[in-house]
Amino acid sequence: MKKFLALLLAVLMVVGMFAACGNKPADNDDANATITDPEKVADEMTSADGKYEIAFITDVGSLKDKSFNQGTYDGVKLYAANNNKTYKYYMPANGNQATDDDRINAVKAACDNGAKVVVAAGFMQEGALRAAAKQYTDVSFIFIDGYPVAEEAGVDGSPVLKNIAGISFQEEQSGFLAGYATVMEGYTKLGFTGGGGGTNPACQRFGYGFAQGAEAAAAAKGVKVELNYSWLHGATFSASNELQTMAIGWYQNGTEVIFACGGSMFTSVSAAAGAEDGKVVGVDVDQSSQSPTVITSAMKGLADSVQWALAKFYEGKFAEIGGTGTALGAKDNAVGLPTATWSLKNWKVADYEALLAKIKDGSVAVKADLVEFPESTANVTVNAVK
C-alpha cells in the first residue's frame, strides 16, 4: 500500500488512535501547524461563493455517531482544513429510513453545489453513486466501505465506472485482534451485536473475525468460551431501548463483554454495560473516551484512508484508484487496537504487536467469509440470537 497511508497510520497507532495529516487550526498560534484533532475543525463552514468542493454523504445514523460516519467525516474535515478546501456534509432525507432515491438526491445536491469530489460512507450508497457517477462524469467519488461499481447493476460484463474509487477494510483482522485480546484478558462469556441486520459486509467481517480471535485465544489458553451473537435491533445502526434491554439481559445472564458493532448502537450497549457492571468492545474508531466500560476498540483507518484518497484526487492521480477496489488491512497499518488507551491488564502490548506482525506477514490468516452467524467451534460455543 502507498507509503503515505502506511507511514501515517503506523505512527498514529502508537498513540492509540488514527489521526491525520494537515495544516492549521484557526486557534493555533502557528498558522502553518498541522491539525491532527478533527474536533478543532468545524462540522460546518460557509464558503465565499456558496460552493463546496469536497462533499460528504452520510451513511444511516447520525453524523456525530462517534463511529463510522464521524470517523469518515473526520478525514474530510482534516484534509479540507489542512489544504484550504471548502467542504460540506449532506444527510439523505428520512434519516434511518432513507431510500435509494433519498441518497441519490443527496449526492446530486452535493454535485450541483459545486462538489469536485464526493466521499460517500457505507455500502448502501452503491445505487446513488452509480446514478450520480454517470450523470456527473467530471466529479470523482470515493466510496468508503465500498468496491468497484459497474455502470449497470446486475449485468455481466458491464464496465466499471472509472470515477468511483472503492475503499474497503479487512475488518475481520481487527475483529480477530479484539476477540483474541478479550479472551486473553480473561473473559470467557462474550457477546456480539451487529448493525445492518446481518447484511452489512463490514459488520459481518468484524463479527466473524471476533469469533475467530476468541477461538484462537481460547485454544491457546485451554479454556471454553460462550458467545452470544445477534443482528437484532441493529438494522438502522441506531441506539434503541430494545437493543439496550437485550444487552442488559445478556449482562444479567453472565455475559462479561459485548462487541458493539454498529455506529450509534454503541450508546445502548455502553449504557447497559454501565448499569450492569459489564464491559464493551468499541468499533471503527477508538471509543474509549465515550465510556469507562470500553476495554478496547476494533479500529479501522477511516479518517486516514479518506485523506489518502483525497490526496490522490488533488494530486491528479485519481486514475490510480478510480474504477478499482482498494482493501486496507494490517499490512497497510489500517486496522488494529488502540494500545495507548485500552484498559487491558493481562494481555501485554508486546504480545499484541507480535500477533499483529503475524497477521501482517500472513502466518496468522483470518477468514473473511461473509457469514451471518459463525458456527460453534471446539472452544467457542456460539449462541445465535435471532
Protein backbone atom coordinates (compact mmCIF):
# COMPACT_ATOMS: atom_id res chain seq x y z
CA MET A 1 0.00 0.00 0.00
CA LYS A 2 1.10 3.53 -0.54
CA LYS A 3 3.82 4.93 1.73
CA PHE A 4 1.75 7.98 2.71
CA LEU A 5 -1.02 5.92 4.28
CA ALA A 6 1.20 3.25 5.78
CA LEU A 7 3.59 5.69 7.42
CA LEU A 8 0.81 7.90 8.73
CA LEU A 9 -1.13 5.06 10.27
CA ALA A 10 1.93 3.34 11.69
CA VAL A 11 2.94 6.45 13.60
CA LEU A 12 -0.50 7.23 14.91
CA MET A 13 -1.34 3.69 16.01
CA VAL A 14 1.39 4.13 18.61
CA VAL A 15 -0.60 6.85 20.33
CA GLY A 16 -3.71 4.72 20.17
CA MET A 17 -5.85 6.38 17.54
CA PHE A 18 -5.96 7.01 13.81
CA ALA A 19 -5.37 10.73 13.41
CA ALA A 20 -4.40 12.56 10.25
CA CYS A 21 -2.18 14.91 8.38
CA GLY A 22 -2.90 18.54 7.70
CA ASN A 23 -2.19 22.21 8.32
CA LYS A 24 -3.58 24.95 10.67
CA PRO A 25 -6.31 25.21 13.24
CA ALA A 26 -7.82 28.68 13.44
CA ASP A 27 -6.99 28.90 17.13
CA ASN A 28 -3.38 27.79 16.75
CA ASP A 29 -0.58 30.33 17.18
CA ASP A 30 1.34 28.75 14.30
CA ALA A 31 -0.69 29.34 11.16
CA ASN A 32 1.21 26.51 9.40
CA ALA A 33 0.75 23.92 12.14
CA THR A 34 -0.71 20.55 11.28
CA ILE A 35 -4.21 19.82 12.55
CA THR A 36 -4.49 16.29 13.88
CA ASP A 37 -7.59 16.77 16.04
CA PRO A 38 -10.76 16.80 13.90
CA GLU A 39 -12.68 18.39 16.76
CA LYS A 40 -10.71 21.57 16.07
CA VAL A 41 -12.34 21.73 12.63
CA ALA A 42 -15.96 22.87 12.47
CA ASP A 43 -18.53 20.46 11.13
CA GLU A 44 -19.99 23.25 9.02
CA MET A 45 -18.37 26.15 7.20
CA THR A 46 -19.50 28.96 4.92
CA SER A 47 -17.71 29.37 1.60
CA ALA A 48 -17.26 32.76 -0.04
CA ASP A 49 -19.10 31.74 -3.22
CA GLY A 50 -21.61 29.36 -1.67
CA LYS A 51 -19.97 26.37 -3.34
CA TYR A 52 -18.33 23.42 -1.59
CA GLU A 53 -15.83 21.32 -3.49
CA ILE A 54 -15.44 18.38 -1.07
CA ALA A 55 -18.73 16.75 -0.11
CA PHE A 56 -19.53 14.04 2.40
CA ILE A 57 -22.67 11.90 2.17
CA THR A 58 -23.52 10.22 5.48
CA ASP A 59 -24.49 6.64 5.99
CA VAL A 60 -27.57 5.86 8.10
CA GLY A 61 -27.29 7.04 11.67
CA SER A 62 -26.13 10.39 12.94
CA LEU A 63 -23.20 12.44 11.71
CA LYS A 64 -21.67 12.56 15.20
CA ASP A 65 -22.06 8.85 15.89
CA LYS A 66 -18.59 8.54 17.45
CA SER A 67 -18.05 5.74 14.95
CA PHE A 68 -18.36 5.16 11.19
CA ASN A 69 -19.94 8.41 9.96
CA GLN A 70 -17.91 10.61 12.25
CA GLY A 71 -14.65 8.80 11.61
CA THR A 72 -15.13 9.15 7.86
CA TYR A 73 -16.12 12.81 8.04
CA ASP A 74 -13.10 13.50 10.25
CA GLY A 75 -10.95 12.63 7.25
CA VAL A 76 -12.89 15.05 5.06
CA LYS A 77 -12.61 17.87 7.60
CA LEU A 78 -8.92 17.35 8.25
CA TYR A 79 -7.94 17.21 4.61
CA ALA A 80 -10.07 20.23 3.74
CA ALA A 81 -8.87 22.34 6.65
CA ASN A 82 -5.24 21.49 6.05
CA ASN A 83 -5.44 22.20 2.34
CA ASN A 84 -7.72 25.24 2.27
CA LYS A 85 -10.62 23.43 0.61
CA THR A 86 -14.30 24.07 1.14
CA TYR A 87 -16.37 21.18 2.46
CA LYS A 88 -19.93 20.29 3.37
CA TYR A 89 -21.83 17.25 4.61
CA TYR A 90 -25.17 16.03 3.27
CA MET A 91 -27.55 13.71 5.11
CA PRO A 92 -30.05 11.82 2.94
CA ALA A 93 -33.67 12.63 3.76
CA ASN A 94 -35.72 10.37 6.04
CA GLY A 95 -32.82 9.50 8.32
CA ASN A 96 -32.55 5.82 9.12
CA GLN A 97 -35.39 5.10 6.71
CA ALA A 98 -33.60 6.72 3.76
CA THR A 99 -34.24 5.14 0.37
CA ASP A 100 -32.03 4.96 -2.70
CA ASP A 101 -33.87 8.00 -4.05
CA ASP A 102 -33.05 9.91 -0.87
CA ARG A 103 -29.38 9.04 -1.24
CA ILE A 104 -29.40 9.93 -4.93
CA ASN A 105 -30.92 13.31 -4.13
CA ALA A 106 -28.24 13.96 -1.51
CA VAL A 107 -25.40 13.12 -3.92
CA LYS A 108 -26.94 15.20 -6.68
CA ALA A 109 -27.35 18.14 -4.29
CA ALA A 110 -23.66 17.89 -3.47
CA CYS A 111 -22.67 17.84 -7.14
CA ASP A 112 -24.99 20.72 -8.02
CA ASN A 113 -23.50 22.63 -5.11
CA GLY A 114 -20.02 22.60 -6.59
CA ALA A 115 -18.54 19.30 -5.41
CA LYS A 116 -15.45 18.23 -7.31
CA VAL A 117 -15.04 15.11 -5.19
CA VAL A 118 -17.68 13.31 -3.13
CA VAL A 119 -16.94 10.99 -0.20
CA ALA A 120 -19.83 8.59 0.48
CA ALA A 121 -19.99 6.33 3.54
CA GLY A 122 -21.50 2.87 3.56
CA PHE A 123 -22.29 0.06 1.14
CA MET A 124 -25.89 1.26 0.74
CA GLN A 125 -24.57 4.19 -1.34
CA GLU A 126 -23.93 1.96 -4.39
CA GLY A 127 -27.10 2.83 -6.29
CA ALA A 128 -26.80 6.55 -5.62
CA LEU A 129 -23.17 6.61 -6.69
CA ARG A 130 -23.92 4.67 -9.87
CA ALA A 131 -26.61 7.17 -10.85
CA ALA A 132 -24.55 10.23 -9.95
CA ALA A 133 -21.28 9.00 -11.47
CA LYS A 134 -22.99 8.52 -14.83
CA GLN A 135 -24.63 11.94 -14.72
CA TYR A 136 -21.72 13.91 -13.26
CA THR A 137 -18.82 12.46 -15.19
CA ASP A 138 -16.46 15.26 -14.19
CA VAL A 139 -16.92 14.53 -10.46
CA SER A 140 -14.86 11.90 -8.63
CA PHE A 141 -16.43 9.70 -5.97
CA ILE A 142 -14.76 7.99 -3.01
CA PHE A 143 -16.84 5.03 -1.82
CA ILE A 144 -15.90 4.15 1.79
CA ASP A 145 -16.70 0.55 2.74
CA GLY A 146 -17.21 0.22 -0.99
CA TYR A 147 -15.98 -1.57 -4.10
CA PRO A 148 -15.88 -1.07 -7.88
CA VAL A 149 -19.30 -0.10 -9.21
CA ALA A 150 -20.50 -1.29 -12.62
CA GLU A 151 -22.34 1.01 -14.98
CA GLU A 152 -25.33 -1.33 -14.97
CA ALA A 153 -26.29 -3.23 -11.85
CA GLY A 154 -26.50 -7.00 -12.23
CA VAL A 155 -25.35 -7.01 -15.85
CA ASP A 156 -22.48 -9.39 -16.55
CA GLY A 157 -19.61 -7.69 -18.31
CA SER A 158 -20.85 -4.19 -17.57
CA PRO A 159 -17.79 -1.91 -17.36
CA VAL A 160 -16.95 -0.31 -14.03
CA LEU A 161 -17.30 3.42 -13.52
CA LYS A 162 -13.84 4.94 -13.54
CA ASN A 163 -14.82 7.96 -11.46
CA ILE A 164 -15.69 5.82 -8.41
CA ALA A 165 -12.92 4.56 -6.12
CA GLY A 166 -13.94 1.77 -3.75
CA ILE A 167 -12.14 1.77 -0.39
CA SER A 168 -12.73 -1.15 1.98
CA PHE A 169 -11.05 -2.64 5.03
CA GLN A 170 -10.12 -6.08 6.27
CA GLU A 171 -12.32 -5.71 9.35
CA GLU A 172 -12.01 -9.41 10.07
CA GLN A 173 -8.41 -8.79 11.12
CA SER A 174 -9.37 -6.02 13.52
CA GLY A 175 -12.23 -8.13 14.89
CA PHE A 176 -9.83 -11.07 15.33
CA LEU A 177 -7.46 -8.93 17.37
CA ALA A 178 -10.32 -7.72 19.57
CA GLY A 179 -11.68 -11.22 20.14
CA TYR A 180 -8.23 -12.58 20.89
CA ALA A 181 -7.44 -9.75 23.29
CA THR A 182 -10.74 -10.13 25.13
CA VAL A 183 -10.22 -13.82 25.83
CA MET A 184 -6.54 -13.41 26.68
CA GLU A 185 -7.58 -10.75 29.17
CA GLY A 186 -9.59 -13.45 30.96
CA TYR A 187 -13.14 -13.04 29.70
CA THR A 188 -14.96 -16.19 28.59
CA LYS A 189 -18.58 -15.04 28.24
CA LEU A 190 -18.81 -12.74 25.24
CA GLY A 191 -21.42 -11.06 23.10
CA PHE A 192 -21.54 -9.59 19.61
CA THR A 193 -24.33 -7.32 18.42
CA GLY A 194 -24.04 -6.11 14.84
CA GLY A 195 -25.56 -3.46 12.64
CA GLY A 196 -27.18 -3.79 9.27
CA GLY A 197 -29.39 -6.71 10.18
CA GLY A 198 -26.75 -9.22 9.10
CA THR A 199 -26.36 -7.86 5.58
CA ASN A 200 -23.63 -5.26 6.14
CA PRO A 201 -20.34 -6.73 4.82
CA ALA A 202 -18.12 -4.68 7.15
CA CYS A 203 -20.06 -5.71 10.26
CA GLN A 204 -20.12 -9.32 9.08
CA ARG A 205 -16.34 -9.28 8.74
CA PHE A 206 -15.90 -7.65 12.15
CA GLY A 207 -18.11 -10.24 13.82
CA TYR A 208 -16.66 -13.27 12.08
CA GLY A 209 -13.16 -12.07 12.91
CA PHE A 210 -14.16 -11.56 16.54
CA ALA A 211 -15.37 -15.16 16.77
CA GLN A 212 -12.17 -16.46 15.16
CA GLY A 213 -10.00 -14.43 17.52
CA ALA A 214 -11.92 -15.75 20.52
CA GLU A 215 -11.44 -19.32 19.26
CA ALA A 216 -7.69 -18.85 18.74
CA ALA A 217 -7.18 -17.36 22.20
CA ALA A 218 -9.40 -19.97 23.86
CA ALA A 219 -7.36 -22.72 22.22
CA ALA A 220 -4.12 -21.09 23.34
CA LYS A 221 -5.35 -20.80 26.93
CA GLY A 222 -7.17 -24.12 27.05
CA VAL A 223 -10.49 -22.53 28.05
CA LYS A 224 -14.07 -22.68 26.81
CA VAL A 225 -15.86 -19.55 25.62
CA GLU A 226 -19.55 -18.77 25.16
CA LEU A 227 -20.51 -16.19 22.54
CA ASN A 228 -23.97 -14.64 22.14
CA TYR A 229 -24.25 -13.42 18.55
CA SER A 230 -27.08 -11.28 17.23
CA TRP A 231 -28.19 -8.94 14.45
CA LEU A 232 -31.38 -7.98 16.26
CA HIS A 233 -32.17 -4.29 16.84
CA GLY A 234 -29.28 -3.14 14.64
CA ALA A 235 -30.78 -2.76 11.18
CA THR A 236 -30.50 1.03 11.30
CA PHE A 237 -27.29 1.18 13.36
CA SER A 238 -29.18 3.32 15.88
CA ALA A 239 -29.45 3.32 19.65
CA SER A 240 -32.73 1.85 20.85
CA ASN A 241 -34.49 0.79 24.01
CA GLU A 242 -34.88 -2.68 22.54
CA LEU A 243 -31.14 -3.08 21.99
CA GLN A 244 -30.35 -1.76 25.46
CA THR A 245 -32.86 -4.18 27.00
CA MET A 246 -31.30 -7.11 25.14
CA ALA A 247 -27.80 -6.09 26.25
CA ILE A 248 -28.95 -5.73 29.86
CA GLY A 249 -30.39 -9.24 29.67
CA TRP A 250 -27.13 -10.60 28.34
CA TYR A 251 -25.11 -8.98 31.10
CA GLN A 252 -27.54 -10.15 33.77
CA ASN A 253 -27.22 -13.70 32.44
CA GLY A 254 -23.44 -13.72 32.68
CA THR A 255 -22.10 -12.03 29.54
CA GLU A 256 -18.99 -10.10 30.52
CA VAL A 257 -18.08 -8.22 27.33
CA ILE A 258 -20.15 -7.20 24.29
CA PHE A 259 -18.65 -6.14 20.97
CA ALA A 260 -20.96 -3.27 19.92
CA CYS A 261 -20.51 -3.24 16.17
CA GLY A 262 -22.68 -0.62 14.53
CA GLY A 263 -22.50 3.16 14.85
CA SER A 264 -24.84 4.59 17.46
CA MET A 265 -25.68 1.09 18.71
CA PHE A 266 -22.69 1.68 20.97
CA THR A 267 -24.75 4.11 23.06
CA SER A 268 -27.29 1.45 24.00
CA VAL A 269 -24.72 -1.24 24.73
CA SER A 270 -22.44 1.02 26.79
CA ALA A 271 -25.47 2.24 28.80
CA ALA A 272 -26.39 -1.37 29.53
CA ALA A 273 -22.78 -2.15 30.47
CA GLY A 274 -22.67 0.82 32.83
CA ALA A 275 -25.85 -0.30 34.55
CA GLU A 276 -24.77 -3.93 34.90
CA ASP A 277 -21.01 -3.59 35.52
CA GLY A 278 -20.26 -5.04 32.10
CA LYS A 279 -17.60 -4.26 29.52
CA VAL A 280 -17.69 -3.18 25.88
CA VAL A 281 -15.51 -3.51 22.79
CA GLY A 282 -15.87 -0.43 20.58
CA VAL A 283 -15.78 -0.33 16.79
CA ASP A 284 -14.36 1.64 13.85
CA VAL A 285 -12.59 4.27 15.97
CA ASP A 286 -11.12 4.39 19.47
CA GLN A 287 -14.25 4.69 21.61
CA SER A 288 -12.51 4.63 24.99
CA SER A 289 -13.32 8.28 25.61
CA GLN A 290 -17.04 7.59 25.22
CA SER A 291 -17.45 5.26 28.19
CA PRO A 292 -15.32 3.79 31.00
CA THR A 293 -16.85 0.43 30.10
CA VAL A 294 -14.73 0.20 26.94
CA ILE A 295 -11.80 -2.20 27.27
CA THR A 296 -10.58 -1.78 23.69
CA SER A 297 -11.86 -0.97 20.19
CA ALA A 298 -11.63 -2.79 16.86
CA MET A 299 -10.48 0.09 14.68
CA LYS A 300 -10.01 0.82 11.02
CA GLY A 301 -8.31 3.86 9.50
CA LEU A 302 -11.34 5.75 8.26
CA ALA A 303 -10.01 9.29 8.52
CA ASP A 304 -6.62 8.41 7.10
CA SER A 305 -7.97 6.44 4.17
CA VAL A 306 -10.21 9.37 3.22
CA GLN A 307 -7.27 11.77 3.33
CA TRP A 308 -5.14 9.40 1.28
CA ALA A 309 -7.85 9.11 -1.39
CA LEU A 310 -8.49 12.88 -1.41
CA ALA A 311 -4.78 13.45 -1.86
CA LYS A 312 -4.86 11.16 -4.88
CA PHE A 313 -7.59 13.33 -6.38
CA TYR A 314 -5.87 16.64 -5.75
CA GLU A 315 -2.51 15.33 -6.93
CA GLY A 316 -4.08 14.33 -10.23
CA LYS A 317 -3.66 10.62 -9.51
CA PHE A 318 -7.27 9.57 -9.02
CA ALA A 319 -6.99 7.27 -12.05
CA GLU A 320 -4.77 5.03 -9.90
CA ILE A 321 -7.71 4.18 -7.64
CA GLY A 322 -10.77 5.02 -9.76
CA GLY A 323 -12.64 2.01 -11.08
CA THR A 324 -10.86 -0.29 -8.63
CA GLY A 325 -11.28 -1.61 -5.12
CA THR A 326 -8.60 -0.95 -2.51
CA ALA A 327 -8.78 -3.23 0.54
CA LEU A 328 -6.76 -1.98 3.51
CA GLY A 329 -5.64 -4.26 6.31
CA ALA A 330 -2.93 -5.00 8.83
CA LYS A 331 -0.17 -4.93 6.22
CA ASP A 332 -1.18 -1.33 5.47
CA ASN A 333 -1.32 -0.40 9.17
CA ALA A 334 -5.01 0.28 8.57
CA VAL A 335 -6.62 -1.93 11.24
CA GLY A 336 -5.78 -2.59 14.86
CA LEU A 337 -6.39 -1.90 18.53
CA PRO A 338 -5.61 1.33 20.45
CA THR A 339 -2.83 0.18 22.74
CA ALA A 340 -2.35 3.57 24.42
CA THR A 341 -5.93 3.75 25.67
CA TRP A 342 -7.05 0.18 26.18
CA SER A 343 -7.72 -0.93 29.75
CA LEU A 344 -6.36 -4.46 29.31
CA LYS A 345 -4.15 -5.61 32.16
CA ASN A 346 -3.37 -9.25 31.43
CA TRP A 347 -2.53 -9.09 27.73
CA LYS A 348 0.54 -7.05 27.02
CA VAL A 349 1.26 -4.65 24.19
CA ALA A 350 4.27 -6.72 23.16
CA ASP A 351 2.03 -9.78 22.74
CA TYR A 352 -0.42 -7.71 20.69
CA GLU A 353 2.36 -6.43 18.46
CA ALA A 354 3.66 -9.97 17.94
CA LEU A 355 0.21 -11.19 16.88
CA LEU A 356 -0.30 -8.17 14.63
CA ALA A 357 3.03 -8.91 12.94
CA LYS A 358 1.89 -12.48 12.23
CA ILE A 359 -1.31 -11.20 10.64
CA LYS A 360 0.73 -8.79 8.55
CA ASP A 361 3.07 -11.46 7.23
CA GLY A 362 0.28 -13.96 6.70
CA SER A 363 1.42 -16.55 9.21
CA VAL A 364 -1.88 -15.99 11.02
CA ALA A 365 -4.71 -15.97 8.50
CA VAL A 366 -8.18 -14.67 9.30
CA LYS A 367 -11.12 -15.78 7.17
CA ALA A 368 -13.24 -13.03 5.66
CA ASP A 369 -16.28 -15.07 4.63
CA LEU A 370 -19.49 -13.05 4.89
CA VAL A 371 -21.26 -15.35 7.31
CA GLU A 372 -24.42 -14.26 9.08
CA PHE A 373 -23.76 -16.47 12.10
CA PRO A 374 -20.42 -18.25 12.70
CA GLU A 375 -20.58 -21.89 13.68
CA SER A 376 -19.56 -23.17 17.09
CA THR A 377 -16.01 -24.49 17.27
CA ALA A 378 -14.02 -26.73 19.57
CA ASN A 379 -13.54 -23.97 22.09
CA VAL A 380 -16.29 -21.42 21.36
CA THR A 381 -19.99 -22.17 21.66
CA VAL A 382 -21.95 -19.69 19.56
CA ASN A 383 -25.48 -18.85 20.66
CA ALA A 384 -27.21 -17.34 17.64
CA VAL A 385 -29.79 -14.88 18.93
CA LYS A 386 -32.26 -14.35 16.08
